Amino acid sequence: MLRLKSSLRPWAGLLAAVISATASAAPALQLTLQKRVEARPAGGEFRVTTTAEAWNPKQTAIIVCDMWDLHHCKNAVLREREMAPRMNDLLEKARAQGVFIIHAPSSCMKYYEGHPARERAKAATKAAMLPADIASWCRSIPAEEQGKYPIDQTDGGEDDNPVEHAAWAEELKAKGLNPRAPWTRQIDVLKIYDHDAISDSGVEVWNLLEQRGIANVILVGVHVNMCVAGRPFGLRQMAKNGKRAVLMRDMTDSMYNPARWPFVDHFRGTELFIEHLEKYVCPTITSDQILGGKPFTFSRAPQRKG
């Protein structure tokens, strides 16, 4: 039997450790990031560009934004319920690959008091470099001033039929809920594991990311033109403070009422805002890049040509 000299044994142990770590390392996430760039400076015309990137799962987090159990807009609830099973499959696959999952159902932290995932967020070490405004909403960043806001959401974006909306409000009242803010927790379809995190605080989320050396952040959830973009843990804050932030564009929805400018159907309104993000805030990806299959589409979304 071949024996190593005593002087070589420490190196043999190190080599074995390296081989073991390499064998157990999760494969990189192979992603295609989509952006929109001006065809020529100040020309006002944009073209779609894509970039292939390989992300280390251990340096990546998915933030699940405001996937509440209920909402004041009934159509928003119906769309969320349709999307949630695919989103849970995505989270399961990403989690198994080593991606850190942060559940962020805003205003629902009381429900999760004592949950290990909630306690993990509260106990995260304070980041050495905490952005000054990370605790606040971010309603725009300077780059967005170059373009025009793509939809009118000043009415709150509800797209319910008025009669159905009134009936929905009465149903929520009958359950003892505030019809304007009926959410109490995250939708049950999305499983929360003890080794995930739960937080609606920009400070806590930033601490979690920094503690784990996470550079890449994927946002999923609702609603893209409000909370997903603007929350303290949302796309604008992540992008402007140096994270490699992307929106998963098929795992979101908007609050847009087709009765408002630019008078397009709800799903086109969502697309217009996503295009705005791709121009001025961050790139986007789709769920099939992690989960396989095809990108998610809502059953009521019109088929687009091309």
C-alpha atoms as a PDB file:
ATOM      1  CA  MET A   1       0.000   0.000   0.000  1.00  0.00           C
ATOM      2  CA  LEU A   2       1.288   3.449  -0.931  1.00  0.00           C
ATOM      3  CA  ARG A   3       1.893   5.647   2.096  1.00  0.00           C
ATOM      4  CA  LEU A   4       2.189   9.427   2.050  1.00  0.00           C
ATOM      5  CA  LYS A   5       5.150  11.023   3.712  1.00  0.00           C
ATOM      6  CA  SER A   6       4.180  12.731   6.961  1.00  0.00           C
ATOM      7  CA  SER A   7       5.050  16.133   5.460  1.00  0.00           C
ATOM      8  CA  LEU A   8       2.456  15.614   2.718  1.00  0.00           C
ATOM      9  CA  ARG A   9      -0.413  14.449   4.914  1.00  0.00           C
ATOM     10  CA  PRO A  10      -1.746  17.958   5.748  1.00  0.00           C
ATOM     11  CA  TRP A  11      -1.853  18.763   2.039  1.00  0.00           C
ATOM     12  CA  ALA A  12      -3.694  15.520   1.354  1.00  0.00           C
ATOM     13  CA  GLY A  13      -6.331  16.502   3.912  1.00  0.00           C
ATOM     14  CA  LEU A  14      -6.720  19.922   2.332  1.00  0.00           C
ATOM     15  CA  LEU A  15      -7.041  18.386  -1.130  1.00  0.00           C
ATOM     16  CA  ALA A  16      -9.723  16.006   0.117  1.00  0.00           C
ATOM     17  CA  ALA A  17     -11.640  18.909   1.640  1.00  0.00           C
ATOM     18  CA  VAL A  18     -11.472  20.879  -1.614  1.00  0.00           C
ATOM     19  CA  ILE A  19     -12.659  17.875  -3.634  1.00  0.00           C
ATOM     20  CA  SER A  20     -15.515  17.283  -1.189  1.00  0.00           C
ATOM     21  CA  ALA A  21     -16.600  20.924  -1.267  1.00  0.00           C
ATOM     22  CA  THR A  22     -16.477  20.993  -5.059  1.00  0.00           C
ATOM     23  CA  ALA A  23     -18.528  17.818  -5.329  1.00  0.00           C
ATOM     24  CA  SER A  24     -21.212  19.138  -2.985  1.00  0.00           C
ATOM     25  CA  ALA A  25     -21.388  22.635  -4.491  1.00  0.00           C
ATOM     26  CA  ALA A  26     -24.702  23.431  -6.154  1.00  0.00           C
ATOM     27  CA  PRO A  27     -24.532  24.181  -9.879  1.00  0.00           C
ATOM     28  CA  ALA A  28     -24.781  27.811 -10.898  1.00  0.00           C
ATOM     29  CA  LEU A  29     -28.133  29.308 -11.813  1.00  0.00           C
ATOM     30  CA  GLN A  30     -28.025  29.812 -15.572  1.00  0.00           C
ATOM     31  CA  LEU A  31     -30.052  32.961 -16.171  1.00  0.00           C
ATOM     32  CA  THR A  32     -30.890  35.162 -19.145  1.00  0.00           C
ATOM     33  CA  LEU A  33     -31.344  38.759 -18.035  1.00  0.00           C
ATOM     34  CA  GLN A  34     -33.514  40.978 -20.223  1.00  0.00           C
ATOM     35  CA  LYS A  35     -33.157  44.757 -20.451  1.00  0.00           C
ATOM     36  CA  ARG A  36     -34.286  47.532 -22.781  1.00  0.00           C
ATOM     37  CA  VAL A  37     -31.681  49.976 -24.024  1.00  0.00           C
ATOM     38  CA  GLU A  38     -32.029  53.034 -26.213  1.00  0.00           C
ATOM     39  CA  ALA A  39     -31.302  52.330 -29.856  1.00  0.00           C
ATOM     40  CA  ARG A  40     -29.560  55.705 -29.989  1.00  0.00           C
ATOM     41  CA  PRO A  41     -28.953  58.331 -27.275  1.00  0.00           C
ATOM     42  CA  ALA A  42     -32.075  60.377 -26.473  1.00  0.00           C
ATOM     43  CA  GLY A  43     -33.822  58.789 -29.437  1.00  0.00           C
ATOM     44  CA  GLY A  44     -36.734  57.469 -27.403  1.00  0.00           C
ATOM     45  CA  GLU A  45     -36.680  54.066 -29.087  1.00  0.00           C
ATOM     46  CA  PHE A  46     -35.647  50.996 -27.112  1.00  0.00           C
ATOM     47  CA  ARG A  47     -34.520  47.546 -28.137  1.00  0.00           C
ATOM     48  CA  VAL A  48     -34.550  44.372 -26.066  1.00  0.00           C
ATOM     49  CA  THR A  49     -31.157  42.984 -25.095  1.00  0.00           C
ATOM     50  CA  THR A  50     -30.356  39.791 -23.213  1.00  0.00           C
ATOM     51  CA  THR A  51     -27.310  38.752 -21.225  1.00  0.00           C
ATOM     52  CA  ALA A  52     -26.459  35.247 -20.036  1.00  0.00           C
ATOM     53  CA  GLU A  53     -25.218  35.123 -16.456  1.00  0.00           C
ATOM     54  CA  ALA A  54     -24.291  32.313 -14.055  1.00  0.00           C
ATOM     55  CA  TRP A  55     -25.253  33.079 -10.450  1.00  0.00           C
ATOM     56  CA  ASN A  56     -23.960  31.279  -7.389  1.00  0.00           C
ATOM     57  CA  PRO A  57     -27.077  30.049  -5.526  1.00  0.00           C
ATOM     58  CA  LYS A  58     -25.390  30.682  -2.172  1.00  0.00           C
ATOM     59  CA  GLN A  59     -25.006  34.332  -3.127  1.00  0.00           C
ATOM     60  CA  THR A  60     -28.623  34.632  -4.296  1.00  0.00           C
ATOM     61  CA  ALA A  61     -31.893  35.383  -2.502  1.00  0.00           C
ATOM     62  CA  ILE A  62     -35.508  35.399  -3.623  1.00  0.00           C
ATOM     63  CA  ILE A  63     -37.712  37.962  -1.893  1.00  0.00           C
ATOM     64  CA  VAL A  64     -41.422  37.117  -1.965  1.00  0.00           C
ATOM     65  CA  CYS A  65     -43.259  40.438  -1.829  1.00  0.00           C
ATOM     66  CA  ASP A  66     -46.759  40.792  -0.348  1.00  0.00           C
ATOM     67  CA  MET A  67     -48.239  37.489  -1.490  1.00  0.00           C
ATOM     68  CA  TRP A  68     -51.022  38.001   1.039  1.00  0.00           C
ATOM     69  CA  ASP A  69     -53.889  35.678   1.893  1.00  0.00           C
ATOM     70  CA  LEU A  70     -56.445  38.349   0.904  1.00  0.00           C
ATOM     71  CA  HIS A  71     -56.667  41.736  -0.811  1.00  0.00           C
ATOM     72  CA  HIS A  72     -59.222  44.518  -1.207  1.00  0.00           C
ATOM     73  CA  CYS A  73     -59.333  43.844  -4.967  1.00  0.00           C
ATOM     74  CA  LYS A  74     -61.053  40.533  -5.716  1.00  0.00           C
ATOM     75  CA  ASN A  75     -59.475  40.180  -9.160  1.00  0.00           C
ATOM     76  CA  ALA A  76     -56.053  40.633  -7.575  1.00  0.00           C
ATOM     77  CA  VAL A  77     -56.835  37.752  -5.211  1.00  0.00           C
ATOM     78  CA  LEU A  78     -57.956  35.517  -8.077  1.00  0.00           C
ATOM     79  CA  ARG A  79     -54.806  36.219 -10.069  1.00  0.00           C
ATOM     80  CA  GLU A  80     -52.592  35.650  -7.035  1.00  0.00           C
ATOM     81  CA  ARG A  81     -54.252  32.302  -6.327  1.00  0.00           C
ATOM     82  CA  GLU A  82     -53.673  31.250  -9.921  1.00  0.00           C
ATOM     83  CA  MET A  83     -49.997  32.200  -9.809  1.00  0.00           C
ATOM     84  CA  ALA A  84     -49.168  30.870  -6.327  1.00  0.00           C
ATOM     85  CA  PRO A  85     -48.781  27.128  -7.116  1.00  0.00           C
ATOM     86  CA  ARG A  86     -46.174  27.843  -9.790  1.00  0.00           C
ATOM     87  CA  MET A  87     -44.435  30.247  -7.422  1.00  0.00           C
ATOM     88  CA  ASN A  88     -44.286  27.633  -4.675  1.00  0.00           C
ATOM     89  CA  ASP A  89     -42.752  25.135  -7.108  1.00  0.00           C
ATOM     90  CA  LEU A  90     -40.179  27.787  -7.999  1.00  0.00           C
ATOM     91  CA  LEU A  91     -39.322  28.429  -4.351  1.00  0.00           C
ATOM     92  CA  GLU A  92     -38.994  24.709  -3.641  1.00  0.00           C
ATOM     93  CA  LYS A  93     -36.585  24.243  -6.545  1.00  0.00           C
ATOM     94  CA  ALA A  94     -34.551  27.348  -5.754  1.00  0.00           C
ATOM     95  CA  ARG A  95     -34.362  26.470  -2.058  1.00  0.00           C
ATOM     96  CA  ALA A  96     -33.108  22.979  -2.892  1.00  0.00           C
ATOM     97  CA  GLN A  97     -30.366  24.570  -5.010  1.00  0.00           C
ATOM     98  CA  GLY A  98     -29.196  26.711  -2.102  1.00  0.00           C
ATOM     99  CA  VAL A  99     -31.027  29.992  -2.782  1.00  0.00           C
ATOM    100  CA  PHE A 100     -32.054  31.872   0.372  1.00  0.00           C
ATOM    101  CA  ILE A 101     -35.809  32.554   0.545  1.00  0.00           C
ATOM    102  CA  ILE A 102     -37.146  35.677   2.273  1.00  0.00           C
ATOM    103  CA  HIS A 103     -40.914  35.900   2.728  1.00  0.00           C
ATOM    104  CA  ALA A 104     -42.072  39.516   2.983  1.00  0.00           C
ATOM    105  CA  PRO A 105     -45.839  39.741   3.632  1.00  0.00           C
ATOM    106  CA  SER A 106     -45.954  43.364   4.773  1.00  0.00           C
ATOM    107  CA  SER A 107     -47.923  44.313   7.902  1.00  0.00           C
ATOM    108  CA  CYS A 108     -48.271  40.650   8.879  1.00  0.00           C
ATOM    109  CA  MET A 109     -45.306  40.153  11.198  1.00  0.00           C
ATOM    110  CA  LYS A 110     -47.477  39.652  14.290  1.00  0.00           C
ATOM    111  CA  TYR A 111     -48.871  36.462  12.770  1.00  0.00           C
ATOM    112  CA  TYR A 112     -45.355  35.003  12.528  1.00  0.00           C
ATOM    113  CA  GLU A 113     -44.035  35.939  15.975  1.00  0.00           C
ATOM    114  CA  GLY A 114     -42.005  33.033  17.331  1.00  0.00           C
ATOM    115  CA  HIS A 115     -41.598  31.325  13.954  1.00  0.00           C
ATOM    116  CA  PRO A 116     -37.924  30.358  13.455  1.00  0.00           C
ATOM    117  CA  ALA A 117     -37.864  32.142  10.094  1.00  0.00           C
ATOM    118  CA  ARG A 118     -39.155  35.340  11.707  1.00  0.00           C
ATOM    119  CA  GLU A 119     -36.698  35.089  14.579  1.00  0.00           C
ATOM    120  CA  ARG A 120     -33.850  34.594  12.092  1.00  0.00           C
ATOM    121  CA  ALA A 121     -34.630  37.928  10.464  1.00  0.00           C
ATOM    122  CA  LYS A 122     -34.862  39.736  13.787  1.00  0.00           C
ATOM    123  CA  ALA A 123     -31.558  38.272  14.975  1.00  0.00           C
ATOM    124  CA  ALA A 124     -29.542  39.052  11.842  1.00  0.00           C
ATOM    125  CA  THR A 125     -26.297  40.886  12.539  1.00  0.00           C
ATOM    126  CA  LYS A 126     -26.469  44.601  11.793  1.00  0.00           C
ATOM    127  CA  ALA A 127     -24.799  45.315   8.478  1.00  0.00           C
ATOM    128  CA  ALA A 128     -21.567  47.286   8.593  1.00  0.00           C
ATOM    129  CA  MET A 129     -22.791  49.452   5.719  1.00  0.00           C
ATOM    130  CA  LEU A 130     -26.518  50.117   6.079  1.00  0.00           C
ATOM    131  CA  PRO A 131     -27.984  52.349   3.330  1.00  0.00           C
ATOM    132  CA  ALA A 132     -29.299  55.570   4.836  1.00  0.00           C
ATOM    133  CA  ASP A 133     -32.868  55.215   3.537  1.00  0.00           C
ATOM    134  CA  ILE A 134     -33.227  51.433   3.499  1.00  0.00           C
ATOM    135  CA  ALA A 135     -36.102  51.638   5.991  1.00  0.00           C
ATOM    136  CA  SER A 136     -38.175  53.791   3.624  1.00  0.00           C
ATOM    137  CA  TRP A 137     -40.281  53.366   0.514  1.00  0.00           C
ATOM    138  CA  CYS A 138     -38.564  54.356  -2.722  1.00  0.00           C
ATOM    139  CA  ARG A 139     -41.059  55.710  -5.248  1.00  0.00           C
ATOM    140  CA  SER A 140     -38.548  56.491  -7.986  1.00  0.00           C
ATOM    141  CA  ILE A 141     -34.846  56.581  -8.725  1.00  0.00           C
ATOM    142  CA  PRO A 142     -33.069  59.235 -10.835  1.00  0.00           C
ATOM    143  CA  ALA A 143     -32.884  57.032 -13.931  1.00  0.00           C
ATOM    144  CA  GLU A 144     -36.688  56.927 -14.114  1.00  0.00           C
ATOM    145  CA  GLU A 145     -36.788  60.681 -14.646  1.00  0.00           C
ATOM    146  CA  GLN A 146     -35.558  60.016 -18.182  1.00  0.00           C
ATOM    147  CA  GLY A 147     -38.874  58.415 -19.107  1.00  0.00           C
ATOM    148  CA  LYS A 148     -42.602  58.830 -18.632  1.00  0.00           C
ATOM    149  CA  TYR A 149     -44.427  56.769 -16.027  1.00  0.00           C
ATOM    150  CA  PRO A 150     -46.218  54.180 -18.183  1.00  0.00           C
ATOM    151  CA  ILE A 151     -49.626  53.801 -16.482  1.00  0.00           C
ATOM    152  CA  ASP A 152     -52.089  55.819 -14.409  1.00  0.00           C
ATOM    153  CA  GLN A 153     -52.474  54.070 -11.053  1.00  0.00           C
ATOM    154  CA  THR A 154     -53.758  57.057  -9.106  1.00  0.00           C
ATOM    155  CA  ASP A 155     -57.101  55.346  -8.472  1.00  0.00           C
ATOM    156  CA  GLY A 156     -55.341  52.474  -6.689  1.00  0.00           C
ATOM    157  CA  GLY A 157     -55.491  50.187  -9.691  1.00  0.00           C
ATOM    158  CA  GLU A 158     -58.529  48.100  -8.761  1.00  0.00           C
ATOM    159  CA  ASP A 159     -59.999  46.411 -11.833  1.00  0.00           C
ATOM    160  CA  ASP A 160     -63.039  44.760 -10.228  1.00  0.00           C
ATOM    161  CA  ASN A 161     -66.523  45.115 -11.616  1.00  0.00           C
ATOM    162  CA  PRO A 162     -68.148  47.656  -9.224  1.00  0.00           C
ATOM    163  CA  VAL A 163     -70.986  45.308  -8.264  1.00  0.00           C
ATOM    164  CA  GLU A 164     -68.608  42.399  -7.641  1.00  0.00           C
ATOM    165  CA  HIS A 165     -66.264  44.685  -5.730  1.00  0.00           C
ATOM    166  CA  ALA A 166     -69.049  45.819  -3.399  1.00  0.00           C
ATOM    167  CA  ALA A 167     -70.064  42.210  -2.775  1.00  0.00           C
ATOM    168  CA  TRP A 168     -66.430  41.299  -2.062  1.00  0.00           C
ATOM    169  CA  ALA A 169     -66.141  44.122   0.466  1.00  0.00           C
ATOM    170  CA  GLU A 170     -69.253  42.857   2.256  1.00  0.00           C
ATOM    171  CA  GLU A 171     -67.837  39.333   2.297  1.00  0.00           C
ATOM    172  CA  LEU A 172     -64.652  40.585   3.925  1.00  0.00           C
ATOM    173  CA  LYS A 173     -66.614  42.599   6.482  1.00  0.00           C
ATOM    174  CA  ALA A 174     -68.653  39.517   7.358  1.00  0.00           C
ATOM    175  CA  LYS A 175     -65.393  37.767   8.237  1.00  0.00           C
ATOM    176  CA  GLY A 176     -64.485  40.584  10.608  1.00  0.00           C
ATOM    177  CA  LEU A 177     -61.826  41.952   8.262  1.00  0.00           C
ATOM    178  CA  ASN A 178     -61.061  45.477   7.113  1.00  0.00           C
ATOM    179  CA  PRO A 179     -62.201  45.489   3.462  1.00  0.00           C
ATOM    180  CA  ARG A 180     -59.486  48.018   2.586  1.00  0.00           C
ATOM    181  CA  ALA A 181     -56.671  45.986   4.182  1.00  0.00           C
ATOM    182  CA  PRO A 182     -57.901  42.432   4.852  1.00  0.00           C
ATOM    183  CA  TRP A 183     -54.563  40.621   4.746  1.00  0.00           C
ATOM    184  CA  THR A 184     -53.302  38.824   7.856  1.00  0.00           C
ATOM    185  CA  ARG A 185     -50.545  36.531   6.556  1.00  0.00           C
ATOM    186  CA  GLN A 186     -48.936  35.135   3.429  1.00  0.00           C
ATOM    187  CA  ILE A 187     -51.057  32.896   1.209  1.00  0.00           C
ATOM    188  CA  ASP A 188     -50.866  29.335   2.545  1.00  0.00           C
ATOM    189  CA  VAL A 189     -49.934  27.856  -0.838  1.00  0.00           C
ATOM    190  CA  LEU A 190     -46.415  29.232  -0.371  1.00  0.00           C
ATOM    191  CA  LYS A 191     -44.622  27.013   2.126  1.00  0.00           C
ATOM    192  CA  ILE A 192     -42.357  28.651   4.691  1.00  0.00           C
ATOM    193  CA  TYR A 193     -39.478  26.580   6.041  1.00  0.00           C
ATOM    194  CA  ASP A 194     -37.721  27.120   9.346  1.00  0.00           C
ATOM    195  CA  HIS A 195     -34.468  27.942   7.532  1.00  0.00           C
ATOM    196  CA  ASP A 196     -36.136  30.663   5.421  1.00  0.00           C
ATOM    197  CA  ALA A 197     -36.583  34.207   6.728  1.00  0.00           C
ATOM    198  CA  ILE A 198     -39.700  36.323   7.282  1.00  0.00           C
ATOM    199  CA  SER A 199     -39.508  40.116   7.334  1.00  0.00           C
ATOM    200  CA  ASP A 200     -41.177  43.242   5.987  1.00  0.00           C
ATOM    201  CA  SER A 201     -38.334  45.496   7.158  1.00  0.00           C
ATOM    202  CA  GLY A 202     -35.821  46.931   4.732  1.00  0.00           C
ATOM    203  CA  VAL A 203     -33.249  47.035   7.519  1.00  0.00           C
ATOM    204  CA  GLU A 204     -33.754  43.390   8.495  1.00  0.00           C
ATOM    205  CA  VAL A 205     -33.714  42.232   4.888  1.00  0.00           C
ATOM    206  CA  TRP A 206     -30.514  44.162   4.175  1.00  0.00           C
ATOM    207  CA  ASN A 207     -28.914  42.708   7.309  1.00  0.00           C
ATOM    208  CA  LEU A 208     -29.840  39.190   6.183  1.00  0.00           C
ATOM    209  CA  LEU A 209     -28.367  39.741   2.737  1.00  0.00           C
ATOM    210  CA  GLU A 210     -25.131  41.208   4.043  1.00  0.00           C
ATOM    211  CA  GLN A 211     -24.749  38.555   6.740  1.00  0.00           C
ATOM    212  CA  ARG A 212     -24.853  35.842   4.086  1.00  0.00           C
ATOM    213  CA  GLY A 213     -22.762  37.602   1.466  1.00  0.00           C
ATOM    214  CA  ILE A 214     -25.719  37.745  -0.921  1.00  0.00           C
ATOM    215  CA  ALA A 215     -25.114  39.909  -3.975  1.00  0.00           C
ATOM    216  CA  ASN A 216     -27.985  38.736  -6.207  1.00  0.00           C
ATOM    217  CA  VAL A 217     -31.655  39.393  -5.434  1.00  0.00           C
ATOM    218  CA  ILE A 218     -34.705  38.111  -7.319  1.00  0.00           C
ATOM    219  CA  LEU A 219     -38.058  39.755  -6.585  1.00  0.00           C
ATOM    220  CA  VAL A 220     -41.331  37.876  -7.037  1.00  0.00           C
ATOM    221  CA  GLY A 221     -44.830  38.725  -5.848  1.00  0.00           C
ATOM    222  CA  VAL A 222     -47.238  41.637  -6.032  1.00  0.00           C
ATOM    223  CA  HIS A 223     -47.837  44.274  -7.074  1.00  0.00           C
ATOM    224  CA  VAL A 224     -45.093  45.185  -9.482  1.00  0.00           C
ATOM    225  CA  ASN A 225     -45.975  48.871  -9.946  1.00  0.00           C
ATOM    226  CA  MET A 226     -46.391  49.448  -6.225  1.00  0.00           C
ATOM    227  CA  CYS A 227     -44.904  47.198  -3.547  1.00  0.00           C
ATOM    228  CA  VAL A 228     -42.502  45.088  -5.629  1.00  0.00           C
ATOM    229  CA  ALA A 229     -40.831  48.194  -7.016  1.00  0.00           C
ATOM    230  CA  GLY A 230     -41.184  50.540  -4.066  1.00  0.00           C
ATOM    231  CA  ARG A 231     -41.039  48.715  -0.728  1.00  0.00           C
ATOM    232  CA  PRO A 232     -37.931  49.172   1.451  1.00  0.00           C
ATOM    233  CA  PHE A 233     -36.899  45.677   0.316  1.00  0.00           C
ATOM    234  CA  GLY A 234     -38.110  46.262  -3.251  1.00  0.00           C
ATOM    235  CA  LEU A 235     -36.413  46.531  -6.604  1.00  0.00           C
ATOM    236  CA  ARG A 236     -35.497  50.209  -6.484  1.00  0.00           C
ATOM    237  CA  GLN A 237     -33.831  49.979  -3.079  1.00  0.00           C
ATOM    238  CA  MET A 238     -31.967  46.806  -3.993  1.00  0.00           C
ATOM    239  CA  ALA A 239     -30.771  48.141  -7.348  1.00  0.00           C
ATOM    240  CA  LYS A 240     -29.727  51.611  -6.243  1.00  0.00           C
ATOM    241  CA  ASN A 241     -27.836  50.241  -3.237  1.00  0.00           C
ATOM    242  CA  GLY A 242     -25.661  47.898  -5.252  1.00  0.00           C
ATOM    243  CA  LYS A 243     -27.374  44.519  -5.334  1.00  0.00           C
ATOM    244  CA  ARG A 244     -27.704  42.664  -8.623  1.00  0.00           C
ATOM    245  CA  ALA A 245     -31.488  42.902  -8.563  1.00  0.00           C
ATOM    246  CA  VAL A 246     -33.873  41.366 -11.079  1.00  0.00           C
ATOM    247  CA  LEU A 247     -37.627  41.007 -11.371  1.00  0.00           C
ATOM    248  CA  MET A 248     -39.049  37.602 -12.253  1.00  0.00           C
ATOM    249  CA  ARG A 249     -41.495  39.038 -14.736  1.00  0.00           C
ATOM    250  CA  ASP A 250     -43.861  36.064 -15.012  1.00  0.00           C
ATOM    251  CA  MET A 251     -44.202  35.768 -11.228  1.00  0.00           C
ATOM    252  CA  THR A 252     -45.856  39.120 -10.621  1.00  0.00           C
ATOM    253  CA  ASP A 253     -49.012  41.136 -11.265  1.00  0.00           C
ATOM    254  CA  SER A 254     -49.928  44.810 -11.211  1.00  0.00           C
ATOM    255  CA  MET A 255     -52.579  47.063  -9.756  1.00  0.00           C
ATOM    256  CA  TYR A 256     -53.829  48.660 -12.954  1.00  0.00           C
ATOM    257  CA  ASN A 257     -57.376  49.583 -13.952  1.00  0.00           C
ATOM    258  CA  PRO A 258     -57.998  49.447 -17.726  1.00  0.00           C
ATOM    259  CA  ALA A 259     -60.401  52.381 -17.346  1.00  0.00           C
ATOM    260  CA  ARG A 260     -57.342  54.581 -16.762  1.00  0.00           C
ATOM    261  CA  TRP A 261     -54.611  55.783 -19.132  1.00  0.00           C
ATOM    262  CA  PRO A 262     -53.290  54.320 -21.376  1.00  0.00           C
ATOM    263  CA  PHE A 263     -56.623  52.434 -21.606  1.00  0.00           C
ATOM    264  CA  VAL A 264     -55.182  48.992 -22.322  1.00  0.00           C
ATOM    265  CA  ASP A 265     -56.186  45.662 -20.805  1.00  0.00           C
ATOM    266  CA  HIS A 266     -54.917  44.842 -17.313  1.00  0.00           C
ATOM    267  CA  PHE A 267     -52.236  42.451 -18.510  1.00  0.00           C
ATOM    268  CA  ARG A 268     -50.870  44.924 -21.039  1.00  0.00           C
ATOM    269  CA  GLY A 269     -50.716  47.473 -18.231  1.00  0.00           C
ATOM    270  CA  THR A 270     -48.562  45.033 -16.276  1.00  0.00           C
ATOM    271  CA  GLU A 271     -46.316  44.528 -19.298  1.00  0.00           C
ATOM    272  CA  LEU A 272     -45.900  48.272 -19.769  1.00  0.00           C
ATOM    273  CA  PHE A 273     -44.681  48.706 -16.222  1.00  0.00           C
ATOM    274  CA  ILE A 274     -42.296  45.771 -16.550  1.00  0.00           C
ATOM    275  CA  GLU A 275     -40.898  47.392 -19.693  1.00  0.00           C
ATOM    276  CA  HIS A 276     -40.413  50.589 -17.679  1.00  0.00           C
ATOM    277  CA  LEU A 277     -38.388  48.656 -15.102  1.00  0.00           C
ATOM    278  CA  GLU A 278     -36.291  47.038 -17.822  1.00  0.00           C
ATOM    279  CA  LYS A 279     -35.454  50.485 -19.194  1.00  0.00           C
ATOM    280  CA  TYR A 280     -34.677  52.352 -15.995  1.00  0.00           C
ATOM    281  CA  VAL A 281     -34.440  50.128 -12.909  1.00  0.00           C
ATOM    282  CA  CYS A 282     -33.299  46.531 -13.400  1.00  0.00           C
ATOM    283  CA  PRO A 283     -33.318  43.524 -15.734  1.00  0.00           C
ATOM    284  CA  THR A 284     -35.916  40.751 -15.655  1.00  0.00           C
ATOM    285  CA  ILE A 285     -35.897  36.959 -15.864  1.00  0.00           C
ATOM    286  CA  THR A 286     -38.588  34.248 -16.030  1.00  0.00           C
ATOM    287  CA  SER A 287     -39.385  31.293 -13.785  1.00  0.00           C
ATOM    288  CA  ASP A 288     -38.581  28.629 -16.378  1.00  0.00           C
ATOM    289  CA  GLN A 289     -34.906  29.579 -16.129  1.00  0.00           C
ATOM    290  CA  ILE A 290     -34.853  27.971 -12.677  1.00  0.00           C
ATOM    291  CA  LEU A 291     -37.878  25.692 -12.696  1.00  0.00           C
ATOM    292  CA  GLY A 292     -37.962  24.517 -16.297  1.00  0.00           C
ATOM    293  CA  GLY A 293     -41.082  24.225 -18.422  1.00  0.00           C
ATOM    294  CA  LYS A 294     -42.595  27.402 -19.812  1.00  0.00           C
ATOM    295  CA  PRO A 295     -43.008  30.862 -18.262  1.00  0.00           C
ATOM    296  CA  PHE A 296     -46.248  31.320 -16.344  1.00  0.00           C
ATOM    297  CA  THR A 297     -49.138  33.146 -17.998  1.00  0.00           C
ATOM    298  CA  PHE A 298     -52.512  34.033 -16.509  1.00  0.00           C
ATOM    299  CA  SER A 299     -55.417  32.117 -18.013  1.00  0.00           C
ATOM    300  CA  ARG A 300     -57.276  35.338 -18.821  1.00  0.00           C
ATOM    301  CA  ALA A 301     -54.308  37.097 -20.410  1.00  0.00           C
ATOM    302  CA  PRO A 302     -54.785  37.779 -24.140  1.00  0.00           C
ATOM    303  CA  GLN A 303     -52.502  35.990 -26.553  1.00  0.00           C
ATOM    304  CA  ARG A 304     -50.023  38.503 -27.970  1.00  0.00           C
ATOM    305  CA  LYS A 305     -48.869  38.259 -31.559  1.00  0.00           C
ATOM    306  CA  GLY A 306     -45.155  37.904 -32.114  1.00  0.00           C
END
